[in-house]
Amino acid sequence: MLRLHLLRSPPVLKHMLNIKMYPAKNGDAFLINANSTHILVDAGYASTFNTYIAPDLALISQSGGHIDLMVATHIDADHIGGVIEFVSLNGPPQSRDIIEVKDVWHNSLRSLPLQACDPNSERDRSLLESIQRRGFPIDSSPGANPIGAKQGASLARLLREKGYRWNAGDGTDCVTISPSCRSLPNRVEIRVIGPTLARLEVLRRWWIKELRRLGYKGNPATDDLIDDAYEILCASAPEPMAPSVLPIATHRACRLKEAYVADMSPTNGSSIAFILYVGETSALFLGDARAEDMVAALKQVAMEGASLQFDAIKVSHHGSLRSTNVELLSLIDAPHYFISSDGTHHDHPDFEVLAEIVDRPADFERKLYFSHESLASKRLQSHVSRSGARFSVHTAAHDWVNLKEDNK
């Protein structure tokens, strides 16, 4: 008897990309589950980590998982305060107390090819120690968790002392757009689109200039004290304000193209920005990067044949109109947008950015997820898209947003 052997089609590969945005006050904190590859992007303040992130990491660890990559996008207290808290509490490399971390991306002073300044006098060292004693800015909002309030050790020092794999090595190399592509387990790819080495050098020069202003006269070198002083000064740098930017309470009605003034912060310009690919699903994480830098990088991505239509976009710099311009939004789009801010610093997000996102024509619904309700997000709820495009407003702090794609 002739037996017919039927050929079965190969199984359909399903790719999973879930994103959780934490209520990090005026900061950023995201947990990504990409095909069970876990990525932590920033961690807000120490209070953010202890209240929201630590329990989630404990659950992942209890189920046998780990963090494949932790990204500290740039040296700003509202992004890395929680990362510092995490590393300080996570124990030694032989036995992590919370969860194993396979690699950390963090651009600090020792990651740059050019060295810093070594104190050549007791006065120099005293100056560095006084900066160290300042510690990192903390979450001063009512009810903030006081744990971690005294943070005087840099993330760079903690990563070295506690034996973390750092920038795919010992931290002496930096994460920049070259090389742009990195692979993670479970068919997850990351393309770094910022910063350039030039942007990191701009931040380093700002820091040297600030030290000189304070009277520092040291010679090139690096050590833990200098690492601490570098990160604390950078994290405490005031954000340049554009005189033309008015608070949202004035109910200004101008468009983004009229209100936009480029961000000149050297700290924000050093942000690690990347595209995450999980099969055909993709998400764009912009950190606090400058719009002009992202336009240049994304045009290069498009020239290589990649789509700039993403499944999710994390909007740069808490929705600031100084970090998103019309040209950037003309290049990119997505059905899901994430905006992390509670509106307490600089009135972020800016309504002009939100309106520009939803006013563009689209044949799909845009869902805008906010970590907190703010004046701008409430105003957006009553806004009517100029193009008639559909959109909805969601407050989704500490909720998983599921982005699913079937690779057929």
Protein backbone atom coordinates (compact mmCIF):
# COMPACT_ATOMS: atom_id res chain seq x y z
CA MET A 1 0.00 0.00 0.00
CA LEU A 2 1.38 3.34 -1.02
CA ARG A 3 1.67 5.75 1.86
CA LEU A 4 1.55 9.42 1.18
CA HIS A 5 3.80 11.49 3.38
CA LEU A 6 2.31 14.94 3.64
CA LEU A 7 4.81 17.75 3.99
CA ARG A 8 3.91 19.98 6.87
CA SER A 9 4.47 23.68 6.56
CA PRO A 10 7.13 25.02 8.91
CA PRO A 11 5.68 26.54 12.07
CA VAL A 12 4.82 30.20 11.94
CA LEU A 13 7.36 32.16 13.96
CA LYS A 14 5.66 34.58 16.30
CA HIS A 15 7.64 37.53 17.58
CA MET A 16 6.78 39.28 20.81
CA LEU A 17 7.64 42.84 21.73
CA ASN A 18 6.18 44.19 24.97
CA ILE A 19 7.06 47.56 26.47
CA LYS A 20 6.43 48.80 29.99
CA MET A 21 6.84 52.50 30.83
CA TYR A 22 7.27 53.30 34.51
CA PRO A 23 5.98 56.43 36.31
CA ALA A 24 9.42 58.03 36.60
CA LYS A 25 8.19 61.55 37.41
CA ASN A 26 10.10 63.88 35.03
CA GLY A 27 12.41 61.03 34.00
CA ASP A 28 12.56 57.90 31.84
CA ALA A 29 12.33 54.21 32.75
CA PHE A 30 11.36 51.40 30.37
CA LEU A 31 11.39 47.61 30.54
CA ILE A 32 11.28 45.69 27.25
CA ASN A 33 10.42 42.03 26.75
CA ALA A 34 11.46 41.05 23.23
CA ASN A 35 11.00 37.31 22.64
CA SER A 36 11.92 36.82 26.34
CA THR A 37 15.04 38.94 25.87
CA HIS A 38 14.82 41.59 28.59
CA ILE A 39 16.16 45.12 28.18
CA LEU A 40 16.03 47.88 30.81
CA VAL A 41 16.31 51.39 29.37
CA ASP A 42 17.06 53.94 32.10
CA ALA A 43 15.44 53.65 35.53
CA GLY A 44 14.26 57.09 36.57
CA TYR A 45 15.17 58.04 40.13
CA ALA A 46 16.14 55.74 43.01
CA SER A 47 12.53 55.95 44.17
CA THR A 48 11.36 54.77 40.73
CA PHE A 49 13.59 51.74 40.92
CA ASN A 50 12.69 50.73 44.46
CA THR A 51 8.94 51.22 44.09
CA TYR A 52 8.26 49.91 40.60
CA ILE A 53 11.21 48.33 38.80
CA ALA A 54 12.79 46.15 41.50
CA PRO A 55 9.65 43.98 41.98
CA ASP A 56 9.46 43.33 38.23
CA LEU A 57 13.13 42.37 38.04
CA ALA A 58 12.68 40.02 41.00
CA LEU A 59 9.83 38.26 39.17
CA ILE A 60 11.97 37.83 36.05
CA SER A 61 14.80 36.41 38.15
CA GLN A 62 12.48 34.04 40.01
CA SER A 63 11.31 32.62 36.67
CA GLY A 64 14.91 31.94 35.65
CA GLY A 65 15.38 35.04 33.52
CA HIS A 66 17.92 37.84 33.48
CA ILE A 67 18.48 41.29 32.00
CA ASP A 68 20.23 40.85 28.67
CA LEU A 69 21.02 44.55 28.33
CA MET A 70 20.70 47.61 30.54
CA VAL A 71 21.00 50.96 28.76
CA ALA A 72 21.83 54.16 30.62
CA THR A 73 21.04 56.53 27.78
CA HIS A 74 22.94 59.52 29.17
CA ILE A 75 24.19 61.08 32.37
CA ASP A 76 21.09 62.79 33.72
CA ALA A 77 19.73 62.21 37.21
CA ASP A 78 16.17 61.53 36.03
CA HIS A 79 17.46 58.71 33.83
CA ILE A 80 20.32 57.07 35.74
CA GLY A 81 19.46 57.70 39.40
CA GLY A 82 17.53 54.43 39.46
CA VAL A 83 20.30 52.63 37.56
CA ILE A 84 22.81 53.68 40.21
CA GLU A 85 20.44 52.48 42.92
CA PHE A 86 20.00 49.15 41.13
CA VAL A 87 23.72 48.49 40.69
CA SER A 88 24.49 49.53 44.28
CA LEU A 89 21.89 47.04 45.62
CA ASN A 90 22.47 44.14 43.23
CA GLY A 91 25.42 42.56 45.01
CA PRO A 92 28.66 40.96 43.77
CA PRO A 93 29.12 39.20 40.41
CA GLN A 94 29.22 35.73 41.98
CA SER A 95 25.75 36.13 43.48
CA ARG A 96 23.58 39.02 42.33
CA ASP A 97 20.95 39.92 44.91
CA ILE A 98 18.23 41.02 42.47
CA ILE A 99 18.97 39.77 38.95
CA GLU A 100 21.85 38.92 36.63
CA VAL A 101 22.70 41.58 34.04
CA LYS A 102 24.58 40.39 30.95
CA ASP A 103 25.75 43.77 29.66
CA VAL A 104 25.42 47.47 30.46
CA TRP A 105 25.64 50.34 27.99
CA HIS A 106 26.88 53.51 29.63
CA ASN A 107 29.10 56.21 28.18
CA SER A 108 31.18 57.75 30.94
CA LEU A 109 34.51 59.51 30.99
CA ARG A 110 36.66 56.37 30.93
CA SER A 111 34.74 55.18 27.84
CA LEU A 112 36.16 58.00 25.73
CA PRO A 113 39.46 57.67 23.83
CA LEU A 114 40.67 60.98 25.24
CA GLN A 115 41.47 61.13 28.92
CA ALA A 116 40.19 63.46 31.59
CA CYS A 117 42.13 65.56 34.08
CA ASP A 118 44.19 64.16 36.93
CA PRO A 119 44.49 66.34 40.04
CA ASN A 120 48.04 67.70 40.32
CA SER A 121 47.51 69.50 43.62
CA GLU A 122 45.69 69.09 46.91
CA ARG A 123 43.41 71.94 45.88
CA ASP A 124 42.39 70.04 42.74
CA ARG A 125 41.56 66.94 44.74
CA SER A 126 39.58 68.97 47.28
CA LEU A 127 37.57 70.48 44.44
CA LEU A 128 36.74 67.02 43.04
CA GLU A 129 35.78 65.78 46.51
CA SER A 130 33.45 68.75 47.02
CA ILE A 131 31.71 67.90 43.73
CA GLN A 132 31.46 64.27 44.81
CA ARG A 133 29.86 65.29 48.12
CA ARG A 134 27.08 67.11 46.25
CA GLY A 135 25.81 63.77 45.00
CA PHE A 136 23.33 63.34 42.19
CA PRO A 137 20.11 65.37 42.11
CA ILE A 138 17.28 63.35 43.65
CA ASP A 139 13.54 63.12 43.29
CA SER A 140 12.32 65.86 45.63
CA SER A 141 8.60 65.40 44.98
CA PRO A 142 6.26 64.80 47.95
CA GLY A 143 6.22 61.18 49.04
CA ALA A 144 9.40 60.25 47.20
CA ASN A 145 11.19 57.20 48.55
CA PRO A 146 14.21 58.50 50.51
CA ILE A 147 16.23 55.33 49.83
CA GLY A 148 19.21 56.14 47.67
CA ALA A 149 19.07 59.85 48.46
CA LYS A 150 22.82 60.03 49.06
CA GLN A 151 24.25 59.04 45.70
CA GLY A 152 27.84 60.22 45.45
CA ALA A 153 29.39 57.28 43.59
CA SER A 154 29.24 57.41 39.82
CA LEU A 155 27.66 54.65 37.79
CA ALA A 156 31.08 54.17 36.19
CA ARG A 157 32.70 53.49 39.57
CA LEU A 158 29.94 51.08 40.61
CA LEU A 159 30.04 49.13 37.35
CA ARG A 160 33.79 48.67 37.69
CA GLU A 161 33.77 47.83 41.40
CA LYS A 162 30.89 45.37 41.11
CA GLY A 163 32.22 43.52 38.10
CA TYR A 164 29.70 44.28 35.38
CA ARG A 165 30.29 43.64 31.70
CA TRP A 166 30.21 47.19 30.46
CA ASN A 167 29.96 48.33 26.84
CA ALA A 168 30.72 44.72 25.81
CA GLY A 169 33.95 44.82 27.82
CA ASP A 170 35.48 46.77 30.69
CA GLY A 171 33.92 50.13 29.88
CA THR A 172 36.94 51.58 28.11
CA ASP A 173 35.07 51.60 24.79
CA CYS A 174 32.03 53.75 24.13
CA VAL A 175 28.66 52.99 22.56
CA THR A 176 28.24 55.09 19.41
CA ILE A 177 26.77 54.77 15.93
CA SER A 178 29.93 52.91 14.85
CA PRO A 179 29.49 49.99 14.79
CA SER A 180 25.77 50.55 14.50
CA CYS A 181 24.33 47.00 14.71
CA ARG A 182 24.40 44.65 17.70
CA SER A 183 22.73 41.26 18.18
CA LEU A 184 20.97 39.98 21.30
CA PRO A 185 19.51 36.52 21.99
CA ASN A 186 16.23 35.30 20.48
CA ARG A 187 16.58 37.05 17.12
CA VAL A 188 16.68 40.53 18.61
CA GLU A 189 18.76 43.18 16.84
CA ILE A 190 19.67 46.70 17.92
CA ARG A 191 20.83 49.45 15.62
CA VAL A 192 22.46 52.36 17.45
CA ILE A 193 21.68 55.71 15.81
CA GLY A 194 23.27 57.98 18.42
CA PRO A 195 25.44 59.40 19.77
CA THR A 196 28.40 60.11 17.54
CA LEU A 197 31.83 60.22 19.12
CA ALA A 198 31.82 63.94 18.36
CA ARG A 199 28.78 64.45 20.62
CA LEU A 200 30.50 62.62 23.48
CA GLU A 201 33.55 64.82 23.00
CA VAL A 202 31.35 67.94 23.17
CA LEU A 203 30.16 66.80 26.61
CA ARG A 204 33.71 66.08 27.72
CA ARG A 205 34.86 69.55 26.63
CA TRP A 206 31.94 71.14 28.49
CA TRP A 207 32.98 69.28 31.63
CA ILE A 208 36.64 70.33 31.32
CA LYS A 209 35.55 73.94 30.79
CA GLU A 210 33.33 73.77 33.87
CA LEU A 211 36.18 72.35 35.97
CA ARG A 212 38.53 75.08 34.75
CA ARG A 213 35.93 77.67 35.68
CA LEU A 214 35.93 76.26 39.21
CA GLY A 215 39.73 76.57 39.36
CA TYR A 216 40.86 73.04 38.43
CA LYS A 217 44.36 72.84 36.92
CA GLY A 218 44.95 69.06 36.67
CA ASN A 219 46.68 66.99 34.00
CA PRO A 220 45.23 64.22 31.79
CA ALA A 221 44.40 60.92 33.56
CA THR A 222 41.43 59.11 35.09
CA ASP A 223 40.43 57.55 38.41
CA ASP A 224 37.30 56.83 40.46
CA LEU A 225 37.14 60.31 41.98
CA ILE A 226 37.27 61.91 38.54
CA ASP A 227 34.58 59.49 37.29
CA ASP A 228 32.38 60.59 40.18
CA ALA A 229 32.99 64.30 39.56
CA TYR A 230 32.35 63.91 35.84
CA GLU A 231 28.98 62.22 36.21
CA ILE A 232 27.76 64.40 39.08
CA LEU A 233 28.62 67.62 37.25
CA CYS A 234 27.02 66.38 34.03
CA ALA A 235 23.89 65.20 35.83
CA SER A 236 23.58 68.55 37.60
CA ALA A 237 24.09 70.72 34.52
CA PRO A 238 21.23 73.21 34.08
CA GLU A 239 19.23 72.70 30.91
CA PRO A 240 19.58 75.70 28.59
CA MET A 241 16.24 77.45 28.22
CA ALA A 242 15.06 79.13 25.04
CA PRO A 243 13.63 82.58 25.83
CA SER A 244 10.93 82.16 23.21
CA VAL A 245 9.43 79.06 24.84
CA LEU A 246 6.29 79.99 26.83
CA PRO A 247 4.62 77.86 29.51
CA ILE A 248 1.62 75.84 28.42
CA ALA A 249 -0.62 77.79 30.80
CA THR A 250 -0.65 80.63 28.25
CA HIS A 251 -2.63 78.31 25.90
CA ARG A 252 -0.42 79.33 23.02
CA ALA A 253 -1.77 78.25 19.66
CA CYS A 254 1.42 78.29 17.57
CA ARG A 255 2.53 75.28 15.53
CA LEU A 256 5.69 73.26 16.18
CA LYS A 257 7.51 74.76 13.19
CA GLU A 258 7.04 78.22 14.76
CA ALA A 259 7.88 77.23 18.33
CA TYR A 260 10.84 74.89 17.74
CA VAL A 261 14.23 75.97 19.09
CA ALA A 262 17.04 73.40 18.90
CA ASP A 263 18.22 71.86 22.16
CA MET A 264 21.84 72.81 22.89
CA SER A 265 22.34 70.67 26.01
CA PRO A 266 25.62 68.71 25.69
CA THR A 267 24.24 66.08 28.07
CA ASN A 268 21.11 65.43 26.01
CA GLY A 269 23.21 65.40 22.85
CA SER A 270 25.19 62.45 24.24
CA SER A 271 22.07 60.22 24.50
CA ILE A 272 22.19 56.63 23.32
CA ALA A 273 19.37 56.28 20.77
CA PHE A 274 18.54 53.04 18.99
CA ILE A 275 16.14 51.02 16.87
CA LEU A 276 15.08 47.67 18.30
CA TYR A 277 14.18 44.96 15.78
CA VAL A 278 12.28 41.79 16.68
CA GLY A 279 11.58 40.05 13.39
CA GLU A 280 9.56 42.57 11.38
CA THR A 281 8.51 44.47 14.51
CA SER A 282 10.52 47.56 15.43
CA ALA A 283 10.64 50.26 18.08
CA LEU A 284 12.52 53.55 18.06
CA PHE A 285 13.98 54.75 21.38
CA LEU A 286 15.25 58.32 21.17
CA GLY A 287 16.44 58.99 24.73
CA ASP A 288 16.85 62.76 25.02
CA ALA A 289 18.62 63.01 21.65
CA ARG A 290 18.66 66.11 19.47
CA ALA A 291 16.25 66.24 16.55
CA GLU A 292 18.92 67.27 14.04
CA ASP A 293 21.15 64.33 15.00
CA MET A 294 18.26 61.89 14.69
CA VAL A 295 17.24 63.28 11.30
CA ALA A 296 20.75 62.70 9.96
CA ALA A 297 20.99 59.20 11.43
CA LEU A 298 17.53 58.11 10.29
CA LYS A 299 18.10 59.39 6.76
CA GLN A 300 21.13 57.10 6.65
CA VAL A 301 18.97 54.20 7.86
CA ALA A 302 16.45 54.93 5.10
CA MET A 303 19.19 55.17 2.46
CA GLU A 304 20.17 51.62 3.36
CA GLY A 305 16.65 50.44 2.58
CA ALA A 306 15.18 50.14 6.08
CA SER A 307 11.69 51.41 6.85
CA LEU A 308 11.16 54.38 9.14
CA GLN A 309 7.61 53.26 9.92
CA PHE A 310 7.93 51.73 13.37
CA ASP A 311 5.55 49.85 15.63
CA ALA A 312 6.42 52.13 18.56
CA ILE A 313 8.33 55.35 19.13
CA LYS A 314 9.62 56.62 22.45
CA VAL A 315 9.47 60.40 21.95
CA SER A 316 12.70 62.26 22.68
CA HIS A 317 13.27 64.29 25.83
CA HIS A 318 9.86 63.86 27.47
CA GLY A 319 8.07 65.47 24.53
CA SER A 320 10.07 68.71 24.61
CA LEU A 321 9.60 70.99 21.61
CA ARG A 322 13.35 71.54 21.68
CA SER A 323 14.06 67.89 20.79
CA THR A 324 11.41 67.09 18.17
CA ASN A 325 10.99 69.11 15.00
CA VAL A 326 8.75 68.92 11.95
CA GLU A 327 11.47 67.35 9.80
CA LEU A 328 11.97 64.49 12.24
CA LEU A 329 8.24 63.77 12.38
CA SER A 330 8.04 63.90 8.58
CA LEU A 331 10.43 60.91 8.47
CA ILE A 332 8.96 58.63 11.14
CA ASP A 333 5.61 57.34 12.31
CA ALA A 334 4.11 54.56 14.42
CA PRO A 335 0.77 53.42 15.86
CA HIS A 336 2.20 53.63 19.40
CA TYR A 337 3.96 56.63 20.97
CA PHE A 338 5.45 56.74 24.47
CA ILE A 339 5.88 60.05 26.31
CA SER A 340 7.46 59.92 29.77
CA SER A 341 6.99 63.02 31.95
CA ASP A 342 4.80 64.31 34.76
CA GLY A 343 5.02 67.94 33.63
CA THR A 344 6.91 69.16 36.70
CA HIS A 345 10.13 70.20 34.92
CA HIS A 346 9.99 72.65 32.00
CA ASP A 347 6.28 71.81 31.47
CA HIS A 348 7.11 68.71 29.44
CA PRO A 349 5.55 67.41 27.31
CA ASP A 350 4.92 70.39 25.04
CA PHE A 351 1.52 70.45 23.37
CA GLU A 352 3.02 71.56 20.04
CA VAL A 353 4.87 68.23 19.77
CA LEU A 354 1.79 66.18 20.62
CA ALA A 355 -0.39 68.11 18.17
CA GLU A 356 2.17 67.72 15.38
CA ILE A 357 2.22 63.96 15.94
CA VAL A 358 -1.55 63.54 15.64
CA ASP A 359 -2.20 66.24 13.01
CA ARG A 360 -0.35 64.31 10.29
CA PRO A 361 -2.47 62.20 7.90
CA ALA A 362 -2.58 58.47 8.68
CA ASP A 363 -4.71 55.47 7.76
CA PHE A 364 -4.28 53.94 11.23
CA GLU A 365 -5.02 55.02 14.79
CA ARG A 366 -2.16 56.51 16.76
CA LYS A 367 -2.17 55.61 20.44
CA LEU A 368 -0.26 58.02 22.66
CA TYR A 369 0.81 56.56 26.01
CA PHE A 370 1.77 58.90 28.85
CA SER A 371 3.56 57.95 32.06
CA HIS A 372 1.55 60.60 33.93
CA GLU A 373 -1.37 62.85 33.18
CA SER A 374 -0.19 66.39 32.43
CA LEU A 375 -1.61 69.69 31.20
CA ALA A 376 -0.56 68.81 27.66
CA SER A 377 -2.00 65.28 27.70
CA LYS A 378 -5.33 66.57 29.07
CA ARG A 379 -5.41 69.29 26.43
CA LEU A 380 -4.74 66.69 23.74
CA GLN A 381 -7.87 64.77 24.72
CA SER A 382 -10.05 67.58 23.36
CA HIS A 383 -7.88 68.26 20.32
CA VAL A 384 -9.19 67.44 16.83
CA SER A 385 -6.56 66.30 14.32
CA ARG A 386 -6.11 68.82 11.50
CA SER A 387 -5.98 65.93 9.02
CA GLY A 388 -8.82 63.97 10.58
CA ALA A 389 -6.43 61.17 11.57
CA ARG A 390 -7.60 58.98 14.44
CA PHE A 391 -5.76 59.03 17.77
CA SER A 392 -6.35 58.16 21.41
CA VAL A 393 -4.74 59.23 24.68
CA HIS A 394 -3.77 56.74 27.39
CA THR A 395 -2.11 56.99 30.79
CA ALA A 396 -0.21 53.72 30.88
CA ALA A 397 2.34 53.93 33.67
CA HIS A 398 3.47 50.49 34.84
CA ASP A 399 1.28 48.66 32.28
CA TRP A 400 2.58 46.35 29.57
CA VAL A 401 1.85 47.52 26.03
CA ASN A 402 1.90 44.52 23.70
CA LEU A 403 3.21 44.88 20.16
CA LYS A 404 2.73 41.61 18.31
CA GLU A 405 3.72 40.61 14.81
CA ASP A 406 3.33 37.28 13.01
CA ASN A 407 6.20 36.62 10.61
CA LYS A 408 4.42 34.81 7.80
